[in-house]
Amino acid sequence: MITKKLWTAIVLMLGAGSAVVLCALNGFFPAVRDVSDPLGRPSKLSLELIDSAGQFDTLTAILVPKHARLASDIQTLTPLANDLEGLTDKAGELSGQAKTLNASTSTVSEIAAPLPDLIVKVTGRADTASPTVAGLSTAVGAVTTQLEAINHGLTTVQGSLGALGPKAAAISATLAIVREEAAHVQEFGPLLAVIGPPVNDLNLPALGVAPAPPS
């Protein structure tokens, strides 16, 4: 019967002998470093990997609040873009209303233009009439003066509204550009949310906050 010590000695001899034969065949003779770290110093790589993971966690902790702040700023800009769109629509309606008012004023001016000549004719005929129409002639003269003043006022209004028409068109065009740019900002909202983390690497100050002075 084989004893425990003999069995252990046989196993150690077979194992050690096999290891020596393999080392001799492969030309490999282990040193102290190979015995302490047989896998090629993976402990150093593990430490570097752990350190890199820690740095990544630190960077993530910095970027998360900035990303949340950027998302909040984008949500603030969205109502502003909607308000600008509504303002542009109202400006477009103002242009059409100004043109309508200008056309109506021109029509009134054209209708009132021949009235002074007609009043003058009526006044002349009243002067040649009997003395009983002298009072009527005086009243008609006063009406003529008032109508001439009205005609002058309407002409002035027509000139002012004529100048307002091109200005209203220019305002409408400007507001249309503002609406288009606001729509572009609204369209780039999801893209800004994606590129936010790389931009935050620049450590730019938040919107509405003055940059810190250099130390």
C-alpha atoms as a PDB file:
ATOM      1  CA  MET A   1       0.000   0.000   0.000  1.00  0.00           C
ATOM      2  CA  ILE A   2       1.318   3.427  -1.004  1.00  0.00           C
ATOM      3  CA  THR A   3       1.647   5.875   1.829  1.00  0.00           C
ATOM      4  CA  LYS A   4       0.564   9.477   1.724  1.00  0.00           C
ATOM      5  CA  LYS A   5       4.129  10.802   1.725  1.00  0.00           C
ATOM      6  CA  LEU A   6       5.143   8.502  -1.121  1.00  0.00           C
ATOM      7  CA  TRP A   7       2.115   9.542  -3.173  1.00  0.00           C
ATOM      8  CA  THR A   8       2.914  13.216  -2.611  1.00  0.00           C
ATOM      9  CA  ALA A   9       6.544  12.720  -3.603  1.00  0.00           C
ATOM     10  CA  ILE A  10       5.549  10.912  -6.819  1.00  0.00           C
ATOM     11  CA  VAL A  11       3.102  13.690  -7.780  1.00  0.00           C
ATOM     12  CA  LEU A  12       5.682  16.425  -7.090  1.00  0.00           C
ATOM     13  CA  MET A  13       8.348  14.594  -9.075  1.00  0.00           C
ATOM     14  CA  LEU A  14       6.013  14.094 -12.035  1.00  0.00           C
ATOM     15  CA  GLY A  15       4.848  17.713 -11.948  1.00  0.00           C
ATOM     16  CA  ALA A  16       8.300  19.213 -11.480  1.00  0.00           C
ATOM     17  CA  GLY A  17       9.776  16.899 -14.102  1.00  0.00           C
ATOM     18  CA  SER A  18       7.114  17.849 -16.634  1.00  0.00           C
ATOM     19  CA  ALA A  19       7.688  21.558 -15.947  1.00  0.00           C
ATOM     20  CA  VAL A  20      11.467  21.198 -16.379  1.00  0.00           C
ATOM     21  CA  VAL A  21      11.006  19.272 -19.642  1.00  0.00           C
ATOM     22  CA  LEU A  22       8.620  21.917 -21.017  1.00  0.00           C
ATOM     23  CA  CYS A  23      10.980  24.755 -20.043  1.00  0.00           C
ATOM     24  CA  ALA A  24      13.900  22.997 -21.696  1.00  0.00           C
ATOM     25  CA  LEU A  25      11.961  22.319 -24.874  1.00  0.00           C
ATOM     26  CA  ASN A  26      10.789  25.949 -25.142  1.00  0.00           C
ATOM     27  CA  GLY A  27      14.038  27.518 -23.999  1.00  0.00           C
ATOM     28  CA  PHE A  28      12.303  29.265 -21.107  1.00  0.00           C
ATOM     29  CA  PHE A  29      13.886  29.519 -17.676  1.00  0.00           C
ATOM     30  CA  PRO A  30      11.669  31.396 -15.213  1.00  0.00           C
ATOM     31  CA  ALA A  31      13.115  34.202 -13.118  1.00  0.00           C
ATOM     32  CA  VAL A  32      11.866  35.749  -9.880  1.00  0.00           C
ATOM     33  CA  ARG A  33       9.754  38.298 -11.788  1.00  0.00           C
ATOM     34  CA  ASP A  34       8.036  35.533 -13.784  1.00  0.00           C
ATOM     35  CA  VAL A  35       7.207  33.644 -10.630  1.00  0.00           C
ATOM     36  CA  SER A  36       5.760  36.733  -8.865  1.00  0.00           C
ATOM     37  CA  ASP A  37       3.861  37.937 -11.964  1.00  0.00           C
ATOM     38  CA  PRO A  38       3.486  35.022 -14.411  1.00  0.00           C
ATOM     39  CA  LEU A  39       0.943  36.743 -16.698  1.00  0.00           C
ATOM     40  CA  GLY A  40       3.264  39.532 -17.867  1.00  0.00           C
ATOM     41  CA  ARG A  41       2.673  42.193 -15.200  1.00  0.00           C
ATOM     42  CA  PRO A  42      -1.091  42.585 -15.602  1.00  0.00           C
ATOM     43  CA  SER A  43      -1.312  44.232 -12.181  1.00  0.00           C
ATOM     44  CA  LYS A  44       0.227  47.445 -13.555  1.00  0.00           C
ATOM     45  CA  LEU A  45      -2.238  47.491 -16.440  1.00  0.00           C
ATOM     46  CA  SER A  46      -5.080  46.911 -14.011  1.00  0.00           C
ATOM     47  CA  LEU A  47      -3.992  49.883 -11.913  1.00  0.00           C
ATOM     48  CA  GLU A  48      -3.811  52.084 -15.012  1.00  0.00           C
ATOM     49  CA  LEU A  49      -7.262  50.914 -16.093  1.00  0.00           C
ATOM     50  CA  ILE A  50      -8.701  51.639 -12.635  1.00  0.00           C
ATOM     51  CA  ASP A  51      -7.100  55.097 -12.657  1.00  0.00           C
ATOM     52  CA  SER A  52      -8.528  55.831 -16.126  1.00  0.00           C
ATOM     53  CA  ALA A  53     -11.977  54.731 -14.976  1.00  0.00           C
ATOM     54  CA  GLY A  54     -11.721  57.069 -11.996  1.00  0.00           C
ATOM     55  CA  GLN A  55     -10.803  59.986 -14.257  1.00  0.00           C
ATOM     56  CA  PHE A  56     -13.723  59.146 -16.535  1.00  0.00           C
ATOM     57  CA  ASP A  57     -16.092  59.162 -13.544  1.00  0.00           C
ATOM     58  CA  THR A  58     -14.756  62.571 -12.497  1.00  0.00           C
ATOM     59  CA  LEU A  59     -15.230  63.954 -16.014  1.00  0.00           C
ATOM     60  CA  THR A  60     -18.763  62.534 -16.162  1.00  0.00           C
ATOM     61  CA  ALA A  61     -19.631  64.178 -12.836  1.00  0.00           C
ATOM     62  CA  ILE A  62     -18.535  67.541 -14.285  1.00  0.00           C
ATOM     63  CA  LEU A  63     -20.341  67.133 -17.608  1.00  0.00           C
ATOM     64  CA  VAL A  64     -23.714  65.966 -16.254  1.00  0.00           C
ATOM     65  CA  PRO A  65     -24.648  69.314 -14.539  1.00  0.00           C
ATOM     66  CA  LYS A  66     -23.467  71.269 -17.561  1.00  0.00           C
ATOM     67  CA  HIS A  67     -25.508  69.084 -19.886  1.00  0.00           C
ATOM     68  CA  ALA A  68     -28.562  69.630 -17.678  1.00  0.00           C
ATOM     69  CA  ARG A  69     -27.944  73.397 -17.725  1.00  0.00           C
ATOM     70  CA  LEU A  70     -27.640  73.365 -21.519  1.00  0.00           C
ATOM     71  CA  ALA A  71     -30.914  71.441 -21.820  1.00  0.00           C
ATOM     72  CA  SER A  72     -32.599  74.014 -19.541  1.00  0.00           C
ATOM     73  CA  ASP A  73     -31.277  76.880 -21.682  1.00  0.00           C
ATOM     74  CA  ILE A  74     -32.605  75.202 -24.831  1.00  0.00           C
ATOM     75  CA  GLN A  75     -36.032  74.817 -23.201  1.00  0.00           C
ATOM     76  CA  THR A  76     -35.924  78.544 -22.342  1.00  0.00           C
ATOM     77  CA  LEU A  77     -35.175  79.447 -25.963  1.00  0.00           C
ATOM     78  CA  THR A  78     -38.080  77.398 -27.323  1.00  0.00           C
ATOM     79  CA  PRO A  79     -40.873  79.758 -26.035  1.00  0.00           C
ATOM     80  CA  LEU A  80     -38.861  82.728 -27.306  1.00  0.00           C
ATOM     81  CA  ALA A  81     -38.748  81.181 -30.780  1.00  0.00           C
ATOM     82  CA  ASN A  82     -42.522  80.639 -30.646  1.00  0.00           C
ATOM     83  CA  ASP A  83     -43.086  84.277 -29.593  1.00  0.00           C
ATOM     84  CA  LEU A  84     -40.901  85.507 -32.449  1.00  0.00           C
ATOM     85  CA  GLU A  85     -42.894  83.392 -34.879  1.00  0.00           C
ATOM     86  CA  GLY A  86     -46.163  84.933 -33.637  1.00  0.00           C
ATOM     87  CA  LEU A  87     -44.685  88.432 -33.858  1.00  0.00           C
ATOM     88  CA  THR A  88     -43.628  87.792 -37.438  1.00  0.00           C
ATOM     89  CA  ASP A  89     -47.132  86.633 -38.348  1.00  0.00           C
ATOM     90  CA  LYS A  90     -48.647  89.805 -36.866  1.00  0.00           C
ATOM     91  CA  ALA A  91     -46.118  91.936 -38.748  1.00  0.00           C
ATOM     92  CA  GLY A  92     -47.164  90.248 -41.997  1.00  0.00           C
ATOM     93  CA  GLU A  93     -50.798  91.119 -41.272  1.00  0.00           C
ATOM     94  CA  LEU A  94     -49.788  94.736 -40.519  1.00  0.00           C
ATOM     95  CA  SER A  95     -48.243  95.076 -43.975  1.00  0.00           C
ATOM     96  CA  GLY A  96     -51.485  94.050 -45.693  1.00  0.00           C
ATOM     97  CA  GLN A  97     -53.594  96.340 -43.484  1.00  0.00           C
ATOM     98  CA  ALA A  98     -51.304  99.295 -44.182  1.00  0.00           C
ATOM     99  CA  LYS A  99     -51.632  98.733 -47.924  1.00  0.00           C
ATOM    100  CA  THR A 100     -55.437  98.572 -47.604  1.00  0.00           C
ATOM    101  CA  LEU A 101     -55.504 101.816 -45.603  1.00  0.00           C
ATOM    102  CA  ASN A 102     -53.249 103.498 -48.139  1.00  0.00           C
ATOM    103  CA  ALA A 103     -55.528 102.460 -51.015  1.00  0.00           C
ATOM    104  CA  SER A 104     -58.642 103.683 -49.152  1.00  0.00           C
ATOM    105  CA  THR A 105     -57.021 107.051 -48.426  1.00  0.00           C
ATOM    106  CA  SER A 106     -56.069 107.449 -52.079  1.00  0.00           C
ATOM    107  CA  THR A 107     -59.689 106.773 -53.094  1.00  0.00           C
ATOM    108  CA  VAL A 108     -61.003 109.387 -50.639  1.00  0.00           C
ATOM    109  CA  SER A 109     -58.469 111.914 -51.906  1.00  0.00           C
ATOM    110  CA  GLU A 110     -59.491 111.287 -55.521  1.00  0.00           C
ATOM    111  CA  ILE A 111     -63.173 111.756 -54.650  1.00  0.00           C
ATOM    112  CA  ALA A 112     -62.515 114.978 -52.700  1.00  0.00           C
ATOM    113  CA  ALA A 113     -60.153 116.506 -55.274  1.00  0.00           C
ATOM    114  CA  PRO A 114     -62.838 117.973 -57.647  1.00  0.00           C
ATOM    115  CA  LEU A 115     -64.941 119.380 -54.797  1.00  0.00           C
ATOM    116  CA  PRO A 116     -63.126 122.792 -54.558  1.00  0.00           C
ATOM    117  CA  ASP A 117     -63.695 123.530 -58.263  1.00  0.00           C
ATOM    118  CA  LEU A 118     -67.358 122.602 -57.996  1.00  0.00           C
ATOM    119  CA  ILE A 119     -67.770 124.826 -54.946  1.00  0.00           C
ATOM    120  CA  VAL A 120     -66.096 127.714 -56.771  1.00  0.00           C
ATOM    121  CA  LYS A 121     -68.544 127.320 -59.673  1.00  0.00           C
ATOM    122  CA  VAL A 122     -71.481 127.272 -57.298  1.00  0.00           C
ATOM    123  CA  THR A 123     -70.122 130.387 -55.581  1.00  0.00           C
ATOM    124  CA  GLY A 124     -69.748 132.209 -58.907  1.00  0.00           C
ATOM    125  CA  ARG A 125     -73.290 131.423 -59.897  1.00  0.00           C
ATOM    126  CA  ALA A 126     -74.504 132.598 -56.509  1.00  0.00           C
ATOM    127  CA  ASP A 127     -72.714 135.941 -56.999  1.00  0.00           C
ATOM    128  CA  THR A 128     -74.607 136.512 -60.252  1.00  0.00           C
ATOM    129  CA  ALA A 129     -77.924 135.583 -58.689  1.00  0.00           C
ATOM    130  CA  SER A 130     -80.347 137.934 -56.960  1.00  0.00           C
ATOM    131  CA  PRO A 131     -79.343 139.746 -53.798  1.00  0.00           C
ATOM    132  CA  THR A 132     -81.469 137.277 -51.843  1.00  0.00           C
ATOM    133  CA  VAL A 133     -78.778 134.636 -52.261  1.00  0.00           C
ATOM    134  CA  ALA A 134     -75.958 136.810 -50.840  1.00  0.00           C
ATOM    135  CA  GLY A 135     -76.167 135.040 -47.500  1.00  0.00           C
ATOM    136  CA  LEU A 136     -76.046 131.690 -49.245  1.00  0.00           C
ATOM    137  CA  SER A 137     -72.933 132.776 -51.140  1.00  0.00           C
ATOM    138  CA  THR A 138     -71.176 133.682 -47.901  1.00  0.00           C
ATOM    139  CA  ALA A 139     -72.041 130.304 -46.371  1.00  0.00           C
ATOM    140  CA  VAL A 140     -70.853 128.450 -49.445  1.00  0.00           C
ATOM    141  CA  GLY A 141     -67.543 130.371 -49.330  1.00  0.00           C
ATOM    142  CA  ALA A 142     -67.005 129.234 -45.753  1.00  0.00           C
ATOM    143  CA  VAL A 143     -67.770 125.648 -46.749  1.00  0.00           C
ATOM    144  CA  THR A 144     -65.270 125.965 -49.604  1.00  0.00           C
ATOM    145  CA  THR A 145     -62.520 127.003 -47.215  1.00  0.00           C
ATOM    146  CA  GLN A 146     -63.274 124.122 -44.887  1.00  0.00           C
ATOM    147  CA  LEU A 147     -63.340 121.613 -47.728  1.00  0.00           C
ATOM    148  CA  GLU A 148     -60.013 122.912 -49.015  1.00  0.00           C
ATOM    149  CA  ALA A 149     -58.547 122.424 -45.551  1.00  0.00           C
ATOM    150  CA  ILE A 150     -59.970 118.892 -45.474  1.00  0.00           C
ATOM    151  CA  ASN A 151     -58.502 118.209 -48.915  1.00  0.00           C
ATOM    152  CA  HIS A 152     -55.114 119.473 -47.758  1.00  0.00           C
ATOM    153  CA  GLY A 153     -55.291 117.255 -44.665  1.00  0.00           C
ATOM    154  CA  LEU A 154     -56.230 114.202 -46.717  1.00  0.00           C
ATOM    155  CA  THR A 155     -53.342 114.886 -49.092  1.00  0.00           C
ATOM    156  CA  THR A 156     -50.958 115.044 -46.124  1.00  0.00           C
ATOM    157  CA  VAL A 157     -52.345 111.781 -44.733  1.00  0.00           C
ATOM    158  CA  GLN A 158     -51.980 110.175 -48.151  1.00  0.00           C
ATOM    159  CA  GLY A 159     -48.311 111.177 -48.311  1.00  0.00           C
ATOM    160  CA  SER A 160     -47.643 109.871 -44.799  1.00  0.00           C
ATOM    161  CA  LEU A 161     -49.348 106.554 -45.494  1.00  0.00           C
ATOM    162  CA  GLY A 162     -47.547 106.286 -48.826  1.00  0.00           C
ATOM    163  CA  ALA A 163     -44.247 106.473 -46.934  1.00  0.00           C
ATOM    164  CA  LEU A 164     -45.510 103.978 -44.349  1.00  0.00           C
ATOM    165  CA  GLY A 165     -46.204 101.279 -46.951  1.00  0.00           C
ATOM    166  CA  PRO A 166     -42.532 100.554 -47.895  1.00  0.00           C
ATOM    167  CA  LYS A 167     -41.503 100.779 -44.225  1.00  0.00           C
ATOM    168  CA  ALA A 168     -44.108  98.215 -43.245  1.00  0.00           C
ATOM    169  CA  ALA A 169     -42.864  95.927 -46.019  1.00  0.00           C
ATOM    170  CA  ALA A 170     -39.280  96.316 -44.739  1.00  0.00           C
ATOM    171  CA  ILE A 171     -40.384  95.556 -41.171  1.00  0.00           C
ATOM    172  CA  SER A 172     -42.229  92.473 -42.405  1.00  0.00           C
ATOM    173  CA  ALA A 173     -39.155  91.254 -44.299  1.00  0.00           C
ATOM    174  CA  THR A 174     -36.919  91.801 -41.243  1.00  0.00           C
ATOM    175  CA  LEU A 175     -39.294  89.945 -38.951  1.00  0.00           C
ATOM    176  CA  ALA A 176     -39.522  87.118 -41.497  1.00  0.00           C
ATOM    177  CA  ILE A 177     -35.735  86.756 -41.261  1.00  0.00           C
ATOM    178  CA  VAL A 178     -35.979  86.741 -37.452  1.00  0.00           C
ATOM    179  CA  ARG A 179     -38.639  84.010 -37.628  1.00  0.00           C
ATOM    180  CA  GLU A 180     -36.456  81.926 -39.952  1.00  0.00           C
ATOM    181  CA  GLU A 181     -33.429  82.230 -37.625  1.00  0.00           C
ATOM    182  CA  ALA A 182     -35.591  81.364 -34.605  1.00  0.00           C
ATOM    183  CA  ALA A 183     -36.836  78.255 -36.446  1.00  0.00           C
ATOM    184  CA  HIS A 184     -33.206  77.290 -37.131  1.00  0.00           C
ATOM    185  CA  VAL A 185     -32.381  77.615 -33.437  1.00  0.00           C
ATOM    186  CA  GLN A 186     -35.397  75.436 -32.571  1.00  0.00           C
ATOM    187  CA  GLU A 187     -34.337  72.794 -35.141  1.00  0.00           C
ATOM    188  CA  PHE A 188     -30.811  72.636 -33.722  1.00  0.00           C
ATOM    189  CA  GLY A 189     -32.101  72.002 -30.189  1.00  0.00           C
ATOM    190  CA  PRO A 190     -31.596  68.168 -30.304  1.00  0.00           C
ATOM    191  CA  LEU A 191     -28.221  68.623 -32.001  1.00  0.00           C
ATOM    192  CA  LEU A 192     -27.082  71.020 -29.259  1.00  0.00           C
ATOM    193  CA  ALA A 193     -28.108  68.433 -26.674  1.00  0.00           C
ATOM    194  CA  VAL A 194     -25.832  65.891 -28.412  1.00  0.00           C
ATOM    195  CA  ILE A 195     -22.793  68.159 -28.878  1.00  0.00           C
ATOM    196  CA  GLY A 196     -23.216  69.710 -25.456  1.00  0.00           C
ATOM    197  CA  PRO A 197     -20.752  67.401 -23.620  1.00  0.00           C
ATOM    198  CA  PRO A 198     -17.830  68.093 -26.026  1.00  0.00           C
ATOM    199  CA  VAL A 199     -18.529  71.837 -25.870  1.00  0.00           C
ATOM    200  CA  ASN A 200     -18.600  71.699 -22.074  1.00  0.00           C
ATOM    201  CA  ASP A 201     -15.016  70.398 -22.150  1.00  0.00           C
ATOM    202  CA  LEU A 202     -14.052  73.998 -22.983  1.00  0.00           C
ATOM    203  CA  ASN A 203     -15.330  75.074 -19.525  1.00  0.00           C
ATOM    204  CA  LEU A 204     -17.307  77.964 -21.027  1.00  0.00           C
ATOM    205  CA  PRO A 205     -19.427  79.995 -18.557  1.00  0.00           C
ATOM    206  CA  ALA A 206     -23.176  79.427 -18.487  1.00  0.00           C
ATOM    207  CA  LEU A 207     -25.516  81.723 -20.456  1.00  0.00           C
ATOM    208  CA  GLY A 208     -26.045  85.060 -18.708  1.00  0.00           C
ATOM    209  CA  VAL A 209     -23.022  84.594 -16.395  1.00  0.00           C
ATOM    210  CA  ALA A 210     -19.921  86.750 -16.818  1.00  0.00           C
ATOM    211  CA  PRO A 211     -16.662  84.774 -17.256  1.00  0.00           C
ATOM    212  CA  ALA A 212     -14.468  84.509 -14.171  1.00  0.00           C
ATOM    213  CA  PRO A 213     -11.348  86.753 -14.275  1.00  0.00           C
ATOM    214  CA  PRO A 214      -8.061  84.896 -14.790  1.00  0.00           C
ATOM    215  CA  SER A 215      -6.222  84.159 -11.545  1.00  0.00           C
END
